[in-house]
N, C-alpha and C. Protein backbone atom coordinates (compact mmCIF):
# COMPACT_ATOMS: atom_id res chain seq x y z
N MET A 1 -12.34 -21.42 26.62
CA MET A 1 -11.95 -20.09 25.55
C MET A 1 -13.68 -19.55 26.08
N SER A 2 -14.05 -20.42 27.08
CA SER A 2 -15.86 -19.46 27.06
C SER A 2 -15.31 -18.62 28.53
N ASP A 3 -14.25 -18.91 29.32
CA ASP A 3 -13.55 -18.45 30.28
C ASP A 3 -13.12 -16.62 29.82
N LEU A 4 -12.82 -16.89 28.87
CA LEU A 4 -11.77 -15.83 27.97
C LEU A 4 -12.58 -14.93 27.64
N ARG A 5 -13.79 -15.30 26.95
CA ARG A 5 -15.27 -14.68 25.78
C ARG A 5 -15.78 -14.16 26.93
N ALA A 6 -15.72 -14.81 28.53
CA ALA A 6 -16.65 -13.94 29.72
C ALA A 6 -15.80 -13.11 30.29
N GLU A 7 -14.20 -12.68 30.25
CA GLU A 7 -13.65 -12.01 31.00
C GLU A 7 -13.22 -10.96 29.90
N LEU A 8 -13.30 -10.89 29.21
CA LEU A 8 -12.97 -10.05 27.91
C LEU A 8 -15.17 -9.52 28.08
N ALA A 9 -15.75 -10.15 27.60
CA ALA A 9 -17.39 -9.52 27.55
C ALA A 9 -17.38 -8.32 28.90
N GLU A 10 -17.38 -8.76 29.66
CA GLU A 10 -16.94 -7.83 31.76
C GLU A 10 -16.24 -6.37 30.67
N ASN A 11 -14.99 -6.42 29.97
CA ASN A 11 -14.32 -4.96 29.87
C ASN A 11 -15.10 -4.65 28.53
N LEU A 12 -15.86 -4.71 27.83
CA LEU A 12 -16.32 -4.16 27.11
C LEU A 12 -17.13 -2.96 27.35
N ASP A 13 -16.73 -1.60 26.85
CA ASP A 13 -17.41 -0.37 27.00
C ASP A 13 -17.27 0.66 26.40
N GLU A 14 -17.88 2.09 26.44
CA GLU A 14 -17.80 2.70 25.33
C GLU A 14 -16.78 3.75 25.70
N ALA A 15 -16.50 4.57 24.39
CA ALA A 15 -15.42 5.82 25.06
C ALA A 15 -15.45 7.06 23.91
N GLU A 16 -15.87 8.09 24.33
CA GLU A 16 -15.65 9.01 23.38
C GLU A 16 -14.25 9.09 22.74
N TRP A 17 -14.22 9.72 21.45
CA TRP A 17 -13.30 10.24 20.68
C TRP A 17 -12.24 10.76 21.45
N GLU A 18 -12.43 11.91 22.29
CA GLU A 18 -11.20 12.33 22.54
C GLU A 18 -10.39 11.40 23.79
N TRP A 19 -10.83 10.77 24.59
CA TRP A 19 -10.51 9.43 25.69
C TRP A 19 -9.78 8.31 24.54
N LEU A 20 -9.26 8.26 23.26
CA LEU A 20 -8.87 7.76 22.67
C LEU A 20 -7.66 8.30 22.19
N ILE A 21 -7.05 9.21 22.24
CA ILE A 21 -6.01 10.33 22.03
C ILE A 21 -4.69 9.56 22.11
N PRO A 22 -4.49 9.25 23.82
CA PRO A 22 -3.86 8.52 24.06
C PRO A 22 -3.08 7.60 23.41
N HIS A 23 -3.95 6.20 23.16
CA HIS A 23 -3.71 4.89 23.02
C HIS A 23 -3.46 5.45 21.52
N LEU A 24 -3.97 6.31 20.34
CA LEU A 24 -3.59 6.71 19.32
C LEU A 24 -2.02 7.37 19.40
N GLU A 25 -1.80 7.53 20.26
CA GLU A 25 -0.17 8.44 20.32
C GLU A 25 0.69 7.38 20.25
N ARG A 26 0.13 6.49 20.92
CA ARG A 26 1.59 4.93 21.39
C ARG A 26 0.57 3.62 20.74
N ASP A 27 -0.01 4.26 19.25
CA ASP A 27 -0.07 3.50 17.89
C ASP A 27 -0.86 1.62 18.58
N ALA A 28 -1.97 2.06 19.02
CA ALA A 28 -2.32 0.88 20.08
C ALA A 28 -3.67 0.52 19.61
N VAL A 29 -4.40 1.37 18.78
CA VAL A 29 -5.80 1.58 18.21
C VAL A 29 -6.02 0.74 17.25
N ILE A 30 -6.85 -0.52 17.02
CA ILE A 30 -6.97 -0.96 16.08
C ILE A 30 -8.64 -0.73 15.85
N LEU A 31 -8.58 -0.63 14.84
CA LEU A 31 -10.53 -0.39 14.01
C LEU A 31 -11.02 -1.03 13.77
N VAL A 32 -12.14 -1.93 14.10
CA VAL A 32 -13.07 -2.73 13.48
C VAL A 32 -13.68 -2.50 13.01
N THR A 33 -14.07 -3.29 11.88
CA THR A 33 -15.74 -2.43 10.78
C THR A 33 -16.62 -3.05 11.64
N GLY A 34 -17.84 -2.65 10.99
CA GLY A 34 -19.60 -3.08 11.77
C GLY A 34 -19.58 -4.44 10.96
N GLU A 35 -19.14 -4.90 10.33
CA GLU A 35 -19.41 -6.43 10.12
C GLU A 35 -18.78 -7.35 11.05
N LEU A 36 -18.12 -6.76 12.05
CA LEU A 36 -17.67 -8.15 12.82
C LEU A 36 -17.96 -7.52 14.42
N ASN A 37 -18.11 -8.77 15.18
CA ASN A 37 -18.29 -8.69 16.34
C ASN A 37 -17.21 -7.86 17.07
N LEU A 38 -17.29 -7.27 18.15
CA LEU A 38 -15.81 -6.54 18.78
C LEU A 38 -15.68 -7.81 19.67
N LEU A 39 -16.28 -8.41 20.24
CA LEU A 39 -16.20 -9.30 20.88
C LEU A 39 -15.24 -10.50 20.75
N ASP A 40 -15.47 -10.92 19.42
CA ASP A 40 -15.39 -12.14 18.45
C ASP A 40 -14.23 -11.65 18.68
N VAL A 41 -13.38 -10.69 17.68
CA VAL A 41 -12.36 -9.82 17.58
C VAL A 41 -11.45 -10.38 18.56
N GLY A 42 -11.83 -9.43 19.89
CA GLY A 42 -10.87 -9.70 21.11
C GLY A 42 -11.08 -10.84 21.24
N VAL A 43 -11.56 -12.18 21.41
CA VAL A 43 -11.44 -13.34 21.55
C VAL A 43 -10.41 -14.04 20.93
N ALA A 44 -10.52 -13.61 19.27
CA ALA A 44 -9.49 -14.29 18.50
C ALA A 44 -8.23 -13.63 18.62
N ILE A 45 -7.92 -12.27 18.71
CA ILE A 45 -6.67 -11.46 18.77
C ILE A 45 -5.52 -12.33 20.79
N ALA A 46 -6.71 -12.17 21.49
CA ALA A 46 -6.34 -12.92 22.96
C ALA A 46 -6.00 -14.21 22.89
N GLY A 47 -6.57 -15.22 22.43
CA GLY A 47 -6.84 -16.74 22.17
C GLY A 47 -5.76 -16.58 21.10
N ASP A 48 -4.77 -16.04 20.34
CA ASP A 48 -3.88 -16.30 19.52
C ASP A 48 -3.96 -17.40 17.84
N GLN A 49 -5.50 -16.70 17.66
CA GLN A 49 -6.36 -17.41 16.27
C GLN A 49 -5.90 -16.99 15.60
N VAL A 50 -4.08 -17.06 15.27
CA VAL A 50 -3.35 -16.40 14.09
C VAL A 50 -4.20 -15.74 12.79
N SER A 51 -4.55 -17.25 12.16
CA SER A 51 -5.21 -16.99 11.03
C SER A 51 -6.13 -16.30 10.63
N GLN A 52 -6.93 -16.69 11.44
CA GLN A 52 -8.29 -15.87 12.15
C GLN A 52 -8.22 -14.61 11.55
N VAL A 53 -7.75 -14.15 12.48
CA VAL A 53 -6.99 -12.51 12.94
C VAL A 53 -6.28 -11.90 11.40
N GLN A 54 -5.65 -12.75 10.64
CA GLN A 54 -4.96 -12.59 9.10
C GLN A 54 -5.94 -12.70 8.16
N GLN A 55 -7.01 -13.51 8.57
CA GLN A 55 -8.25 -13.40 7.04
C GLN A 55 -9.00 -12.27 7.59
N TRP A 56 -8.89 -11.16 8.71
CA TRP A 56 -9.72 -10.24 8.85
C TRP A 56 -8.92 -8.67 8.55
N ILE A 57 -7.67 -8.93 8.78
CA ILE A 57 -7.20 -7.53 8.37
C ILE A 57 -6.84 -7.70 6.88
N ASP A 58 -6.41 -9.22 5.90
CA ASP A 58 -6.47 -9.81 4.68
C ASP A 58 -7.68 -8.03 4.32
N GLN A 59 -8.78 -8.93 4.56
CA GLN A 59 -9.95 -8.58 4.33
C GLN A 59 -10.17 -6.93 4.22
N GLN A 60 -9.37 -6.53 5.22
CA GLN A 60 -9.15 -5.15 5.78
C GLN A 60 -10.53 -4.84 6.61
N LEU A 61 -11.15 -5.82 7.38
CA LEU A 61 -12.16 -6.38 8.03
C LEU A 61 -11.71 -5.55 9.73
N ILE A 62 -10.20 -5.41 10.40
CA ILE A 62 -9.29 -5.11 10.86
C ILE A 62 -8.25 -4.04 10.59
N THR A 63 -8.63 -2.61 10.86
CA THR A 63 -7.02 -2.22 10.27
C THR A 63 -6.68 -1.33 11.59
N LYS A 64 -5.54 -0.43 11.02
CA LYS A 64 -5.18 1.05 11.87
C LYS A 64 -6.13 1.77 11.76
N PRO A 65 -6.59 2.63 12.48
CA PRO A 65 -7.40 3.76 11.49
C PRO A 65 -6.39 4.86 10.82
N SER A 66 -7.05 5.33 9.74
CA SER A 66 -6.09 6.26 7.92
C SER A 66 -6.14 7.57 8.89
N GLU A 67 -4.86 7.90 8.28
CA GLU A 67 -4.73 9.58 8.29
C GLU A 67 -6.69 10.07 8.03
N THR A 68 -7.58 9.92 7.39
CA THR A 68 -8.57 10.31 6.91
C THR A 68 -9.72 10.34 8.11
N GLN A 69 -9.79 9.25 8.21
CA GLN A 69 -10.51 8.94 9.21
C GLN A 69 -10.23 9.87 10.94
N LEU A 70 -9.05 9.78 11.21
CA LEU A 70 -8.35 10.21 12.23
C LEU A 70 -8.88 11.81 12.24
N GLY A 71 -8.62 12.71 10.86
CA GLY A 71 -8.97 13.91 10.90
C GLY A 71 -10.42 13.48 10.83
N GLU A 72 -11.19 13.31 10.20
CA GLU A 72 -13.16 12.58 10.06
C GLU A 72 -13.57 13.03 11.81
N TRP A 73 -12.35 12.18 12.22
CA TRP A 73 -13.24 11.79 14.10
C TRP A 73 -12.37 13.53 14.97
N LYS A 74 -11.48 14.21 14.40
CA LYS A 74 -11.20 15.38 15.11
C LYS A 74 -12.38 15.61 15.05
N ASP A 75 -12.93 16.03 14.02
CA ASP A 75 -13.13 16.85 13.41
C ASP A 75 -15.14 16.60 14.06
N GLN A 76 -14.84 15.99 15.41
CA GLN A 76 -16.84 14.88 15.90
C GLN A 76 -15.67 14.75 17.18
N PRO A 77 -15.74 15.65 18.07
CA PRO A 77 -15.50 15.32 18.89
C PRO A 77 -16.29 14.59 19.81
N GLN A 78 -17.45 14.74 19.85
CA GLN A 78 -18.52 13.90 20.68
C GLN A 78 -18.94 12.37 19.64
N LYS A 79 -17.70 12.34 18.66
CA LYS A 79 -18.65 10.66 18.40
C LYS A 79 -17.55 9.90 19.57
N TRP A 80 -18.81 8.86 19.23
CA TRP A 80 -18.31 7.59 20.43
C TRP A 80 -17.93 6.27 19.74
N PHE A 81 -17.07 5.00 20.15
CA PHE A 81 -16.92 4.25 20.14
C PHE A 81 -16.93 2.77 20.86
N CYS A 82 -17.52 1.97 20.70
CA CYS A 82 -17.54 0.70 21.45
C CYS A 82 -16.24 0.31 21.56
N THR A 83 -15.69 -0.42 22.77
CA THR A 83 -14.39 0.01 22.56
C THR A 83 -13.92 -1.36 24.01
N LEU A 84 -12.34 -2.01 23.19
CA LEU A 84 -12.47 -3.56 24.01
C LEU A 84 -11.15 -3.41 24.44
N ILE A 85 -10.42 -3.22 25.70
CA ILE A 85 -8.93 -3.40 25.66
C ILE A 85 -8.29 -4.55 25.91
N VAL A 86 -7.39 -5.03 25.30
CA VAL A 86 -7.24 -6.38 24.46
C VAL A 86 -5.21 -6.09 24.70
N GLN A 87 -4.84 -6.07 25.44
CA GLN A 87 -3.03 -5.73 25.84
C GLN A 87 -2.65 -6.60 25.10
N PRO A 88 -1.32 -5.62 23.95
CA PRO A 88 -1.80 -4.12 24.68
C PRO A 88 -2.46 -3.07 23.29
N TYR A 89 -3.29 -3.61 22.99
CA TYR A 89 -4.46 -2.89 21.86
C TYR A 89 -5.56 -2.12 22.62
N VAL A 90 -6.24 -1.72 22.06
CA VAL A 90 -7.28 -0.94 21.83
C VAL A 90 -8.23 -1.31 21.13
N LEU A 91 -9.22 -1.74 20.97
CA LEU A 91 -9.66 -2.45 19.84
C LEU A 91 -11.35 -1.33 19.90
N VAL A 92 -11.45 -0.45 18.54
CA VAL A 92 -12.52 0.72 18.31
C VAL A 92 -13.22 -0.20 17.51
N GLN A 93 -14.79 0.38 18.02
CA GLN A 93 -15.74 0.44 16.64
C GLN A 93 -17.15 1.29 16.93
N ALA A 94 -16.36 2.33 15.55
CA ALA A 94 -17.51 3.34 15.97
C ALA A 94 -19.06 3.08 15.89
N LYS A 95 -19.68 3.62 16.46
CA LYS A 95 -21.02 4.24 17.31
C LYS A 95 -21.94 4.57 15.99
N ASN A 96 -22.82 3.79 15.95
CA ASN A 96 -23.79 4.46 14.46
C ASN A 96 -24.10 5.97 15.17
N SER A 97 -24.01 7.32 14.45
CA SER A 97 -25.21 8.20 15.23
C SER A 97 -26.77 7.96 15.22
N ASP A 98 -27.23 8.82 16.54
CA ASP A 98 -28.53 8.17 16.27
C ASP A 98 -29.35 9.36 15.97
């Protein structure tokens, strides 16, 4: 599992809102709340930790972006996200405004 974690850690990145639009159009974006560590979520998804992932879904700690959120992000084209690709998904976590 540590190899998976190390491999995913190399793929952590940042993306501007507009860069996520193609992934949103194919319904591949998963929003991770700031309460969770993006890398931990990626490891759980890639490692088929179904019960852990389901618990986060049930607690609404990982979700699909809502229409409200999408509207807010569209109004903030310079908004940045931390990202992690775990095929076929793109996990995103909103960055705090500085």
